[in-house]
Amino acid sequence: MPDATKTSAAPESAEEAKAASAAGTKAPAKELAKPRSLLQDAIRDLVRRPLFLIPSGIILVLVAMAAFPSLFASADPQLCELGRSLQKPSADAWFGYDARGCDVYARTIYGTRTSITVGVLATVGSALIALVFGLVAGFYGKWIDAIISRGIDIVMGIPFLVGAIVILNSFRDDDGFRIGGIWGVLTALTVLGWMSMARIMRSTAMQTKQSDYVTAARSLGASTSRLMFRHVLPNALTPLIVLATISLGVIISAEATLSFLGVGIQEPTISWGVMINQSLGRIRESLHPLLFPAGFVSITVLAFIMLGDAVRDALDPKLR
């Protein structure tokens, strides 16, 4: 009897050992699975949001128009014939013709390049200025912060249109001829567009430098540059990215406003603001030369604002 008991127990223990070993090999695999980072979680959340997908699709189409306008419009945007002045939209001209007989659709497509280019370059320039001043003010604090903050307050006290007109008028020669062209508009928008982003960067840097991991790195002997660029900067960038995305649409609208007022981009360069300016003289006779470029401005601004809101919601864990 004792021998039978031992022999019958042996297979059971062997089976249990196999089951235990199988369970033991599976359990660590789950435990070793790496958790997703904040960026991976944000991307996974974004691709499921219509609030992100819709504006992203619109922006991709606009970027494609800016990069390859000839794929979207076969007509020459500079070819104008007075004989077809103010003709209504038709199969030959989807958006009709303006007062000079130019194809509104072709000019709207080609104007996308100027508006998007100015918006992107001015936003990048403003964001870089804001990053430098905001990071330095927030990280060092004290008198450095006081000087930079008061400088930001002074620049923000300048009305945007007045400041832009002054800057753009400085790009004229003695005969009143405008020099600089698109670069003058870029300069004005960059100089006047970085203050809000700098304030956000400053406050975020001040909060981040007080975090436990920054304190631990400082106690371990990390240098000032390492603390600033390896610990504070990467963790303070998110609000700046969100605000820059929203500001891009605002800057495109600002460029259209300056061109509409006649102090921004001018002919022969095509932009949506130039088209709106040219359509005002005959607005009582026909609305379509005004509605289509103005509609593109509105859709573009709305798309970037929606995109910025979606990115903010995805990157901020408190809003989930």
C-alpha atoms as a PDB file:
ATOM      1  CA  MET A   1       0.000   0.000   0.000  1.00  0.00           C
ATOM      2  CA  PRO A   2       2.647   2.544   0.780  1.00  0.00           C
ATOM      3  CA  ASP A   3       4.345   1.862  -2.579  1.00  0.00           C
ATOM      4  CA  ALA A   4       1.062   2.237  -4.490  1.00  0.00           C
ATOM      5  CA  THR A   5       0.422   5.537  -2.789  1.00  0.00           C
ATOM      6  CA  LYS A   6       3.820   6.859  -3.813  1.00  0.00           C
ATOM      7  CA  THR A   7       3.495   5.735  -7.427  1.00  0.00           C
ATOM      8  CA  SER A   8       0.027   7.240  -7.828  1.00  0.00           C
ATOM      9  CA  ALA A   9       1.124  10.554  -6.298  1.00  0.00           C
ATOM     10  CA  ALA A  10       4.129  10.918  -8.570  1.00  0.00           C
ATOM     11  CA  PRO A  11       2.217  11.552 -11.826  1.00  0.00           C
ATOM     12  CA  GLU A  12      -0.032  14.078 -10.087  1.00  0.00           C
ATOM     13  CA  SER A  13       2.972  15.990  -8.800  1.00  0.00           C
ATOM     14  CA  ALA A  14       4.551  15.882 -12.261  1.00  0.00           C
ATOM     15  CA  GLU A  15       1.411  17.277 -13.851  1.00  0.00           C
ATOM     16  CA  GLU A  16       1.193  19.934 -11.191  1.00  0.00           C
ATOM     17  CA  ALA A  17       4.827  20.780 -11.792  1.00  0.00           C
ATOM     18  CA  LYS A  18       4.175  21.199 -15.515  1.00  0.00           C
ATOM     19  CA  ALA A  19       1.158  23.379 -14.835  1.00  0.00           C
ATOM     20  CA  ALA A  20       3.122  25.432 -12.349  1.00  0.00           C
ATOM     21  CA  SER A  21       6.014  25.827 -14.751  1.00  0.00           C
ATOM     22  CA  ALA A  22       3.655  26.833 -17.542  1.00  0.00           C
ATOM     23  CA  ALA A  23       1.991  29.363 -15.278  1.00  0.00           C
ATOM     24  CA  GLY A  24       5.390  30.544 -14.145  1.00  0.00           C
ATOM     25  CA  THR A  25       6.506  31.199 -17.704  1.00  0.00           C
ATOM     26  CA  LYS A  26       3.354  33.122 -18.584  1.00  0.00           C
ATOM     27  CA  ALA A  27       3.187  35.298 -15.486  1.00  0.00           C
ATOM     28  CA  PRO A  28       6.547  36.999 -15.930  1.00  0.00           C
ATOM     29  CA  ALA A  29       5.687  37.755 -19.581  1.00  0.00           C
ATOM     30  CA  LYS A  30       2.768  39.850 -18.407  1.00  0.00           C
ATOM     31  CA  GLU A  31       4.778  41.402 -15.650  1.00  0.00           C
ATOM     32  CA  LEU A  32       7.606  42.277 -18.037  1.00  0.00           C
ATOM     33  CA  ALA A  33       5.274  44.031 -20.480  1.00  0.00           C
ATOM     34  CA  LYS A  34       6.397  47.650 -20.603  1.00  0.00           C
ATOM     35  CA  PRO A  35       3.785  50.230 -19.592  1.00  0.00           C
ATOM     36  CA  ARG A  36       2.905  52.816 -22.231  1.00  0.00           C
ATOM     37  CA  SER A  37       4.428  56.252 -21.882  1.00  0.00           C
ATOM     38  CA  LEU A  38       2.404  59.462 -21.653  1.00  0.00           C
ATOM     39  CA  LEU A  39       3.102  60.198 -25.323  1.00  0.00           C
ATOM     40  CA  GLN A  40       1.980  56.720 -26.406  1.00  0.00           C
ATOM     41  CA  ASP A  41      -1.194  57.063 -24.357  1.00  0.00           C
ATOM     42  CA  ALA A  42      -1.798  60.479 -25.898  1.00  0.00           C
ATOM     43  CA  ILE A  43      -1.351  59.195 -29.458  1.00  0.00           C
ATOM     44  CA  ARG A  44      -3.622  56.220 -28.774  1.00  0.00           C
ATOM     45  CA  ASP A  45      -6.239  58.577 -27.372  1.00  0.00           C
ATOM     46  CA  LEU A  46      -5.928  61.070 -30.224  1.00  0.00           C
ATOM     47  CA  VAL A  47      -6.515  58.581 -33.045  1.00  0.00           C
ATOM     48  CA  ARG A  48      -9.854  57.709 -31.473  1.00  0.00           C
ATOM     49  CA  ARG A  49     -11.098  61.299 -31.235  1.00  0.00           C
ATOM     50  CA  PRO A  50     -13.188  62.806 -34.061  1.00  0.00           C
ATOM     51  CA  LEU A  51     -12.163  66.196 -32.634  1.00  0.00           C
ATOM     52  CA  PHE A  52      -8.598  65.310 -33.689  1.00  0.00           C
ATOM     53  CA  LEU A  53      -9.209  63.332 -36.884  1.00  0.00           C
ATOM     54  CA  ILE A  54     -11.464  65.896 -38.587  1.00  0.00           C
ATOM     55  CA  PRO A  55      -9.169  68.945 -38.202  1.00  0.00           C
ATOM     56  CA  SER A  56      -6.120  66.785 -38.967  1.00  0.00           C
ATOM     57  CA  GLY A  57      -7.697  65.743 -42.268  1.00  0.00           C
ATOM     58  CA  ILE A  58      -8.514  69.359 -43.128  1.00  0.00           C
ATOM     59  CA  ILE A  59      -4.980  70.496 -42.280  1.00  0.00           C
ATOM     60  CA  LEU A  60      -3.420  67.693 -44.339  1.00  0.00           C
ATOM     61  CA  VAL A  61      -5.474  68.772 -47.356  1.00  0.00           C
ATOM     62  CA  LEU A  62      -4.434  72.398 -46.844  1.00  0.00           C
ATOM     63  CA  VAL A  63      -0.772  71.418 -46.552  1.00  0.00           C
ATOM     64  CA  ALA A  64      -1.066  69.374 -49.747  1.00  0.00           C
ATOM     65  CA  MET A  65      -2.603  72.408 -51.484  1.00  0.00           C
ATOM     66  CA  ALA A  66       0.237  74.598 -50.258  1.00  0.00           C
ATOM     67  CA  ALA A  67       2.915  72.136 -51.354  1.00  0.00           C
ATOM     68  CA  PHE A  68       1.400  71.089 -54.700  1.00  0.00           C
ATOM     69  CA  PRO A  69      -1.167  73.695 -55.804  1.00  0.00           C
ATOM     70  CA  SER A  70      -0.964  72.626 -59.453  1.00  0.00           C
ATOM     71  CA  LEU A  71      -2.491  69.251 -58.498  1.00  0.00           C
ATOM     72  CA  PHE A  72      -5.639  70.998 -57.271  1.00  0.00           C
ATOM     73  CA  ALA A  73      -5.962  73.816 -59.820  1.00  0.00           C
ATOM     74  CA  SER A  74      -5.004  73.674 -63.482  1.00  0.00           C
ATOM     75  CA  ALA A  75      -5.836  77.311 -64.272  1.00  0.00           C
ATOM     76  CA  ASP A  76      -3.229  80.080 -64.114  1.00  0.00           C
ATOM     77  CA  PRO A  77      -3.988  82.233 -61.031  1.00  0.00           C
ATOM     78  CA  GLN A  78      -2.327  85.259 -62.661  1.00  0.00           C
ATOM     79  CA  LEU A  79      -4.340  85.021 -65.906  1.00  0.00           C
ATOM     80  CA  CYS A  80      -7.095  87.641 -65.766  1.00  0.00           C
ATOM     81  CA  GLU A  81      -9.557  88.653 -68.525  1.00  0.00           C
ATOM     82  CA  LEU A  82     -11.937  91.566 -67.996  1.00  0.00           C
ATOM     83  CA  GLY A  83     -14.452  89.947 -70.338  1.00  0.00           C
ATOM     84  CA  ARG A  84     -15.332  87.371 -67.666  1.00  0.00           C
ATOM     85  CA  SER A  85     -15.395  89.835 -64.739  1.00  0.00           C
ATOM     86  CA  LEU A  86     -17.611  88.742 -61.828  1.00  0.00           C
ATOM     87  CA  GLN A  87     -18.986  85.696 -63.613  1.00  0.00           C
ATOM     88  CA  LYS A  88     -20.762  83.317 -61.251  1.00  0.00           C
ATOM     89  CA  PRO A  89     -19.406  79.898 -60.225  1.00  0.00           C
ATOM     90  CA  SER A  90     -19.751  77.308 -62.975  1.00  0.00           C
ATOM     91  CA  ALA A  91     -18.284  74.014 -64.161  1.00  0.00           C
ATOM     92  CA  ASP A  92     -15.408  75.891 -65.808  1.00  0.00           C
ATOM     93  CA  ALA A  93     -14.666  78.017 -62.739  1.00  0.00           C
ATOM     94  CA  TRP A  94     -15.897  76.416 -59.522  1.00  0.00           C
ATOM     95  CA  PHE A  95     -15.610  79.629 -57.501  1.00  0.00           C
ATOM     96  CA  GLY A  96     -16.366  82.010 -60.368  1.00  0.00           C
ATOM     97  CA  TYR A  97     -14.267  85.024 -61.396  1.00  0.00           C
ATOM     98  CA  ASP A  98     -13.363  88.183 -59.515  1.00  0.00           C
ATOM     99  CA  ALA A  99     -13.680  91.801 -60.679  1.00  0.00           C
ATOM    100  CA  ARG A 100     -10.522  91.546 -62.796  1.00  0.00           C
ATOM    101  CA  GLY A 101     -11.612  88.296 -64.427  1.00  0.00           C
ATOM    102  CA  CYS A 102      -9.229  86.058 -62.465  1.00  0.00           C
ATOM    103  CA  ASP A 103     -10.193  82.504 -61.539  1.00  0.00           C
ATOM    104  CA  VAL A 104     -11.146  82.696 -57.845  1.00  0.00           C
ATOM    105  CA  TYR A 105     -10.691  78.948 -57.310  1.00  0.00           C
ATOM    106  CA  ALA A 106      -7.136  78.921 -58.702  1.00  0.00           C
ATOM    107  CA  ARG A 107      -6.175  82.009 -56.714  1.00  0.00           C
ATOM    108  CA  THR A 108      -7.648  80.540 -53.534  1.00  0.00           C
ATOM    109  CA  ILE A 109      -5.650  77.323 -53.983  1.00  0.00           C
ATOM    110  CA  TYR A 110      -2.410  79.151 -54.738  1.00  0.00           C
ATOM    111  CA  GLY A 111      -3.049  81.577 -51.886  1.00  0.00           C
ATOM    112  CA  THR A 112      -2.973  78.625 -49.489  1.00  0.00           C
ATOM    113  CA  ARG A 113       0.805  78.383 -49.905  1.00  0.00           C
ATOM    114  CA  THR A 114       1.421  81.948 -48.780  1.00  0.00           C
ATOM    115  CA  SER A 115      -0.984  81.845 -45.842  1.00  0.00           C
ATOM    116  CA  ILE A 116       0.190  78.462 -44.534  1.00  0.00           C
ATOM    117  CA  THR A 117       3.873  79.341 -45.014  1.00  0.00           C
ATOM    118  CA  VAL A 118       3.549  82.643 -43.177  1.00  0.00           C
ATOM    119  CA  GLY A 119       1.558  80.999 -40.386  1.00  0.00           C
ATOM    120  CA  VAL A 120       3.993  78.128 -39.854  1.00  0.00           C
ATOM    121  CA  LEU A 121       7.183  80.207 -40.013  1.00  0.00           C
ATOM    122  CA  ALA A 122       5.826  82.967 -37.777  1.00  0.00           C
ATOM    123  CA  THR A 123       4.541  80.423 -35.245  1.00  0.00           C
ATOM    124  CA  VAL A 124       7.856  78.558 -35.153  1.00  0.00           C
ATOM    125  CA  GLY A 125       9.769  81.810 -34.716  1.00  0.00           C
ATOM    126  CA  SER A 126       7.438  83.013 -31.970  1.00  0.00           C
ATOM    127  CA  ALA A 127       7.590  79.653 -30.190  1.00  0.00           C
ATOM    128  CA  LEU A 128      11.398  79.642 -30.216  1.00  0.00           C
ATOM    129  CA  ILE A 129      11.558  83.163 -28.756  1.00  0.00           C
ATOM    130  CA  ALA A 130       8.954  82.216 -26.153  1.00  0.00           C
ATOM    131  CA  LEU A 131      10.834  79.038 -25.276  1.00  0.00           C
ATOM    132  CA  VAL A 132      14.105  80.875 -24.634  1.00  0.00           C
ATOM    133  CA  PHE A 133      12.707  83.752 -22.591  1.00  0.00           C
ATOM    134  CA  GLY A 134      10.091  81.683 -20.764  1.00  0.00           C
ATOM    135  CA  LEU A 135      12.506  78.907 -19.841  1.00  0.00           C
ATOM    136  CA  VAL A 136      15.201  81.296 -18.606  1.00  0.00           C
ATOM    137  CA  ALA A 137      12.716  83.380 -16.596  1.00  0.00           C
ATOM    138  CA  GLY A 138      10.999  80.379 -15.047  1.00  0.00           C
ATOM    139  CA  PHE A 139      14.164  78.438 -14.252  1.00  0.00           C
ATOM    140  CA  TYR A 140      16.325  81.202 -12.789  1.00  0.00           C
ATOM    141  CA  GLY A 141      13.617  83.394 -11.272  1.00  0.00           C
ATOM    142  CA  LYS A 142      14.548  86.390  -9.093  1.00  0.00           C
ATOM    143  CA  TRP A 143      15.814  89.485 -10.910  1.00  0.00           C
ATOM    144  CA  ILE A 144      16.146  87.684 -14.251  1.00  0.00           C
ATOM    145  CA  ASP A 145      12.490  86.731 -14.089  1.00  0.00           C
ATOM    146  CA  ALA A 146      11.539  90.263 -13.089  1.00  0.00           C
ATOM    147  CA  ILE A 147      13.349  91.844 -16.056  1.00  0.00           C
ATOM    148  CA  ILE A 148      11.964  89.388 -18.617  1.00  0.00           C
ATOM    149  CA  SER A 149       8.422  89.564 -17.200  1.00  0.00           C
ATOM    150  CA  ARG A 150       8.368  93.363 -17.271  1.00  0.00           C
ATOM    151  CA  GLY A 151       9.696  93.284 -20.846  1.00  0.00           C
ATOM    152  CA  ILE A 152       6.882  90.913 -21.831  1.00  0.00           C
ATOM    153  CA  ASP A 153       4.351  93.251 -20.193  1.00  0.00           C
ATOM    154  CA  ILE A 154       5.708  96.207 -22.158  1.00  0.00           C
ATOM    155  CA  VAL A 155       5.512  94.403 -25.501  1.00  0.00           C
ATOM    156  CA  MET A 156       2.014  93.091 -24.719  1.00  0.00           C
ATOM    157  CA  GLY A 157       0.914  96.663 -24.050  1.00  0.00           C
ATOM    158  CA  ILE A 158       1.470  97.546 -27.717  1.00  0.00           C
ATOM    159  CA  PRO A 159      -1.777  97.171 -29.728  1.00  0.00           C
ATOM    160  CA  PHE A 160      -1.258  94.482 -32.311  1.00  0.00           C
ATOM    161  CA  LEU A 161      -2.420  96.395 -35.364  1.00  0.00           C
ATOM    162  CA  VAL A 162      -0.535  99.555 -34.399  1.00  0.00           C
ATOM    163  CA  GLY A 163       2.666  97.614 -33.760  1.00  0.00           C
ATOM    164  CA  ALA A 164       2.321  95.639 -37.001  1.00  0.00           C
ATOM    165  CA  ILE A 165       1.735  98.797 -39.044  1.00  0.00           C
ATOM    166  CA  VAL A 166       4.802 100.457 -37.502  1.00  0.00           C
ATOM    167  CA  ILE A 167       6.985  97.429 -38.210  1.00  0.00           C
ATOM    168  CA  LEU A 168       5.684  96.996 -41.758  1.00  0.00           C
ATOM    169  CA  ASN A 169       6.147 100.686 -42.546  1.00  0.00           C
ATOM    170  CA  SER A 170       9.791 100.305 -41.587  1.00  0.00           C
ATOM    171  CA  PHE A 171      10.108  98.037 -44.635  1.00  0.00           C
ATOM    172  CA  ARG A 172       9.615 100.961 -47.031  1.00  0.00           C
ATOM    173  CA  ASP A 173      12.277 102.951 -48.806  1.00  0.00           C
ATOM    174  CA  ASP A 174      12.410 106.752 -49.137  1.00  0.00           C
ATOM    175  CA  ASP A 175       9.974 106.706 -52.083  1.00  0.00           C
ATOM    176  CA  GLY A 176       7.383 104.757 -50.114  1.00  0.00           C
ATOM    177  CA  PHE A 177       8.016 101.528 -52.004  1.00  0.00           C
ATOM    178  CA  ARG A 178       7.506  98.434 -49.880  1.00  0.00           C
ATOM    179  CA  ILE A 179      10.599  96.296 -49.425  1.00  0.00           C
ATOM    180  CA  GLY A 180      10.917  92.955 -47.721  1.00  0.00           C
ATOM    181  CA  GLY A 181       7.531  91.625 -48.904  1.00  0.00           C
ATOM    182  CA  ILE A 182       6.588  88.447 -47.114  1.00  0.00           C
ATOM    183  CA  TRP A 183       9.596  88.785 -44.801  1.00  0.00           C
ATOM    184  CA  GLY A 184       8.238  92.031 -43.424  1.00  0.00           C
ATOM    185  CA  VAL A 185       4.954  90.335 -42.504  1.00  0.00           C
ATOM    186  CA  LEU A 186       6.852  87.432 -40.957  1.00  0.00           C
ATOM    187  CA  THR A 187       8.921  89.827 -38.876  1.00  0.00           C
ATOM    188  CA  ALA A 188       5.871  91.710 -37.619  1.00  0.00           C
ATOM    189  CA  LEU A 189       3.929  88.560 -36.708  1.00  0.00           C
ATOM    190  CA  THR A 190       6.936  86.964 -35.011  1.00  0.00           C
ATOM    191  CA  VAL A 191       7.865  90.030 -32.971  1.00  0.00           C
ATOM    192  CA  LEU A 192       4.281  90.538 -31.788  1.00  0.00           C
ATOM    193  CA  GLY A 193       3.199  86.918 -31.369  1.00  0.00           C
ATOM    194  CA  TRP A 194       5.441  85.322 -28.738  1.00  0.00           C
ATOM    195  CA  MET A 195       4.417  86.953 -25.435  1.00  0.00           C
ATOM    196  CA  SER A 196       1.497  84.697 -24.458  1.00  0.00           C
ATOM    197  CA  MET A 197       3.538  81.589 -25.198  1.00  0.00           C
ATOM    198  CA  ALA A 198       6.459  82.964 -23.161  1.00  0.00           C
ATOM    199  CA  ARG A 199       4.188  83.481 -20.152  1.00  0.00           C
ATOM    200  CA  ILE A 200       2.888  79.919 -20.404  1.00  0.00           C
ATOM    201  CA  MET A 201       6.434  78.576 -20.746  1.00  0.00           C
ATOM    202  CA  ARG A 202       7.593  80.614 -17.743  1.00  0.00           C
ATOM    203  CA  SER A 203       4.842  79.394 -15.416  1.00  0.00           C
ATOM    204  CA  THR A 204       5.273  75.766 -16.517  1.00  0.00           C
ATOM    205  CA  ALA A 205       9.047  75.925 -16.021  1.00  0.00           C
ATOM    206  CA  MET A 206       8.580  77.377 -12.528  1.00  0.00           C
ATOM    207  CA  GLN A 207       6.271  74.499 -11.589  1.00  0.00           C
ATOM    208  CA  THR A 208       8.481  71.835 -13.143  1.00  0.00           C
ATOM    209  CA  LYS A 209      11.700  72.947 -11.442  1.00  0.00           C
ATOM    210  CA  GLN A 210      10.031  72.357  -8.062  1.00  0.00           C
ATOM    211  CA  SER A 211       9.242  68.712  -8.859  1.00  0.00           C
ATOM    212  CA  ASP A 212      10.770  65.909  -6.812  1.00  0.00           C
ATOM    213  CA  TYR A 213      12.790  64.456  -9.690  1.00  0.00           C
ATOM    214  CA  VAL A 214      14.408  67.843 -10.357  1.00  0.00           C
ATOM    215  CA  THR A 215      15.236  68.216  -6.666  1.00  0.00           C
ATOM    216  CA  ALA A 216      16.711  64.696  -6.641  1.00  0.00           C
ATOM    217  CA  ALA A 217      18.820  65.416  -9.727  1.00  0.00           C
ATOM    218  CA  ARG A 218      20.090  68.638  -8.162  1.00  0.00           C
ATOM    219  CA  SER A 219      21.016  66.821  -4.935  1.00  0.00           C
ATOM    220  CA  LEU A 220      22.961  64.244  -6.984  1.00  0.00           C
ATOM    221  CA  GLY A 221      25.100  67.018  -8.416  1.00  0.00           C
ATOM    222  CA  ALA A 222      23.483  67.594 -11.824  1.00  0.00           C
ATOM    223  CA  SER A 223      24.725  70.745 -13.526  1.00  0.00           C
ATOM    224  CA  THR A 224      22.497  73.730 -14.241  1.00  0.00           C
ATOM    225  CA  SER A 225      22.438  73.052 -17.971  1.00  0.00           C
ATOM    226  CA  ARG A 226      21.528  69.399 -17.404  1.00  0.00           C
ATOM    227  CA  LEU A 227      18.716  70.354 -15.043  1.00  0.00           C
ATOM    228  CA  MET A 228      17.386  72.907 -17.507  1.00  0.00           C
ATOM    229  CA  PHE A 229      17.586  70.935 -20.748  1.00  0.00           C
ATOM    230  CA  ARG A 230      17.242  67.321 -19.580  1.00  0.00           C
ATOM    231  CA  HIS A 231      14.694  67.637 -16.785  1.00  0.00           C
ATOM    232  CA  VAL A 232      12.801  70.932 -16.907  1.00  0.00           C
ATOM    233  CA  LEU A 233      12.529  71.629 -20.646  1.00  0.00           C
ATOM    234  CA  PRO A 234      11.114  68.245 -21.835  1.00  0.00           C
ATOM    235  CA  ASN A 235       8.494  68.267 -19.082  1.00  0.00           C
ATOM    236  CA  ALA A 236       7.471  71.895 -19.665  1.00  0.00           C
ATOM    237  CA  LEU A 237       6.993  71.753 -23.433  1.00  0.00           C
ATOM    238  CA  THR A 238       3.451  70.367 -23.574  1.00  0.00           C
ATOM    239  CA  PRO A 239       1.560  73.637 -22.853  1.00  0.00           C
ATOM    240  CA  LEU A 240       3.797  75.478 -25.321  1.00  0.00           C
ATOM    241  CA  ILE A 241       3.059  72.940 -28.072  1.00  0.00           C
ATOM    242  CA  VAL A 242      -0.679  73.199 -27.449  1.00  0.00           C
ATOM    243  CA  LEU A 243      -0.680  77.008 -27.432  1.00  0.00           C
ATOM    244  CA  ALA A 244       1.535  77.143 -30.545  1.00  0.00           C
ATOM    245  CA  THR A 245      -0.920  74.894 -32.405  1.00  0.00           C
ATOM    246  CA  ILE A 246      -3.805  77.196 -31.538  1.00  0.00           C
ATOM    247  CA  SER A 247      -1.721  80.306 -32.270  1.00  0.00           C
ATOM    248  CA  LEU A 248      -0.923  79.051 -35.763  1.00  0.00           C
ATOM    249  CA  GLY A 249      -4.522  79.556 -36.806  1.00  0.00           C
ATOM    250  CA  VAL A 250      -4.624  82.947 -35.102  1.00  0.00           C
ATOM    251  CA  ILE A 251      -1.464  84.067 -36.931  1.00  0.00           C
ATOM    252  CA  ILE A 252      -2.932  82.995 -40.281  1.00  0.00           C
ATOM    253  CA  SER A 253      -5.965  85.123 -39.457  1.00  0.00           C
ATOM    254  CA  ALA A 254      -3.674  88.016 -38.473  1.00  0.00           C
ATOM    255  CA  GLU A 255      -1.820  87.797 -41.804  1.00  0.00           C
ATOM    256  CA  ALA A 256      -5.141  87.919 -43.657  1.00  0.00           C
ATOM    257  CA  THR A 257      -6.180  90.937 -41.585  1.00  0.00           C
ATOM    258  CA  LEU A 258      -2.985  92.853 -42.342  1.00  0.00           C
ATOM    259  CA  SER A 259      -3.218  92.025 -46.051  1.00  0.00           C
ATOM    260  CA  PHE A 260      -6.890  93.024 -46.050  1.00  0.00           C
ATOM    261  CA  LEU A 261      -5.945  96.409 -44.556  1.00  0.00           C
ATOM    262  CA  GLY A 262      -3.365  96.891 -47.301  1.00  0.00           C
ATOM    263  CA  VAL A 263      -0.303  96.909 -45.039  1.00  0.00           C
ATOM    264  CA  GLY A 264       0.582  93.208 -45.310  1.00  0.00           C
ATOM    265  CA  ILE A 265       1.272  91.035 -48.327  1.00  0.00           C
ATOM    266  CA  GLN A 266       0.451  92.700 -51.645  1.00  0.00           C
ATOM    267  CA  GLU A 267       0.296  91.810 -55.312  1.00  0.00           C
ATOM    268  CA  PRO A 268       1.726  90.012 -57.208  1.00  0.00           C
ATOM    269  CA  THR A 269       1.916  87.640 -54.230  1.00  0.00           C
ATOM    270  CA  ILE A 270      -1.383  85.797 -53.767  1.00  0.00           C
ATOM    271  CA  SER A 271      -2.855  85.279 -50.313  1.00  0.00           C
ATOM    272  CA  TRP A 272      -6.342  84.992 -48.894  1.00  0.00           C
ATOM    273  CA  GLY A 273      -6.085  88.438 -47.296  1.00  0.00           C
ATOM    274  CA  VAL A 274      -5.103  90.025 -50.622  1.00  0.00           C
ATOM    275  CA  MET A 275      -8.100  88.382 -52.298  1.00  0.00           C
ATOM    276  CA  ILE A 276     -10.474  89.647 -49.605  1.00  0.00           C
ATOM    277  CA  ASN A 277      -9.046  93.144 -49.997  1.00  0.00           C
ATOM    278  CA  GLN A 278      -9.530  93.074 -53.773  1.00  0.00           C
ATOM    279  CA  SER A 279     -13.134  91.841 -53.529  1.00  0.00           C
ATOM    280  CA  LEU A 280     -14.431  94.705 -51.360  1.00  0.00           C
ATOM    281  CA  GLY A 281     -14.747  97.247 -54.170  1.00  0.00           C
ATOM    282  CA  ARG A 282     -17.482  95.252 -55.943  1.00  0.00           C
ATOM    283  CA  ILE A 283     -19.034  93.502 -52.942  1.00  0.00           C
ATOM    284  CA  ARG A 284     -22.522  94.863 -53.702  1.00  0.00           C
ATOM    285  CA  GLU A 285     -22.437  93.374 -57.179  1.00  0.00           C
ATOM    286  CA  SER A 286     -21.124  89.921 -56.283  1.00  0.00           C
ATOM    287  CA  LEU A 287     -20.261  88.139 -53.054  1.00  0.00           C
ATOM    288  CA  HIS A 288     -18.471  85.020 -54.298  1.00  0.00           C
ATOM    289  CA  PRO A 289     -14.995  86.626 -54.702  1.00  0.00           C
ATOM    290  CA  LEU A 290     -15.179  87.457 -50.968  1.00  0.00           C
ATOM    291  CA  LEU A 291     -16.907  84.369 -49.572  1.00  0.00           C
ATOM    292  CA  PHE A 292     -14.501  81.694 -50.807  1.00  0.00           C
ATOM    293  CA  PRO A 293     -11.157  83.101 -49.537  1.00  0.00           C
ATOM    294  CA  ALA A 294     -12.852  84.255 -46.318  1.00  0.00           C
ATOM    295  CA  GLY A 295     -14.321  80.763 -45.913  1.00  0.00           C
ATOM    296  CA  PHE A 296     -10.874  79.188 -46.314  1.00  0.00           C
ATOM    297  CA  VAL A 297      -9.492  81.502 -43.619  1.00  0.00           C
ATOM    298  CA  SER A 298     -12.317  80.583 -41.235  1.00  0.00           C
ATOM    299  CA  ILE A 299     -12.000  76.831 -41.859  1.00  0.00           C
ATOM    300  CA  THR A 300      -8.218  76.935 -41.409  1.00  0.00           C
ATOM    301  CA  VAL A 301      -8.388  78.887 -38.148  1.00  0.00           C
ATOM    302  CA  LEU A 302     -11.118  76.599 -36.814  1.00  0.00           C
ATOM    303  CA  ALA A 303      -9.142  73.473 -37.771  1.00  0.00           C
ATOM    304  CA  PHE A 304      -6.017  74.578 -35.896  1.00  0.00           C
ATOM    305  CA  ILE A 305      -8.017  75.624 -32.830  1.00  0.00           C
ATOM    306  CA  MET A 306      -9.815  72.251 -32.767  1.00  0.00           C
ATOM    307  CA  LEU A 307      -6.497  70.451 -33.210  1.00  0.00           C
ATOM    308  CA  GLY A 308      -4.950  72.390 -30.341  1.00  0.00           C
ATOM    309  CA  ASP A 309      -7.889  71.563 -28.067  1.00  0.00           C
ATOM    310  CA  ALA A 310      -7.627  67.863 -28.911  1.00  0.00           C
ATOM    311  CA  VAL A 311      -3.881  67.791 -28.289  1.00  0.00           C
ATOM    312  CA  ARG A 312      -4.355  69.593 -24.973  1.00  0.00           C
ATOM    313  CA  ASP A 313      -6.993  67.114 -23.804  1.00  0.00           C
ATOM    314  CA  ALA A 314      -4.795  64.158 -24.790  1.00  0.00           C
ATOM    315  CA  LEU A 315      -1.555  65.406 -23.267  1.00  0.00           C
ATOM    316  CA  ASP A 316      -2.995  66.618 -19.965  1.00  0.00           C
ATOM    317  CA  PRO A 317      -3.663  63.612 -17.693  1.00  0.00           C
ATOM    318  CA  LYS A 318      -5.882  65.738 -15.437  1.00  0.00           C
ATOM    319  CA  LEU A 319      -8.417  66.168 -18.259  1.00  0.00           C
ATOM    320  CA  ARG A 320      -8.851  62.443 -18.921  1.00  0.00           C
END
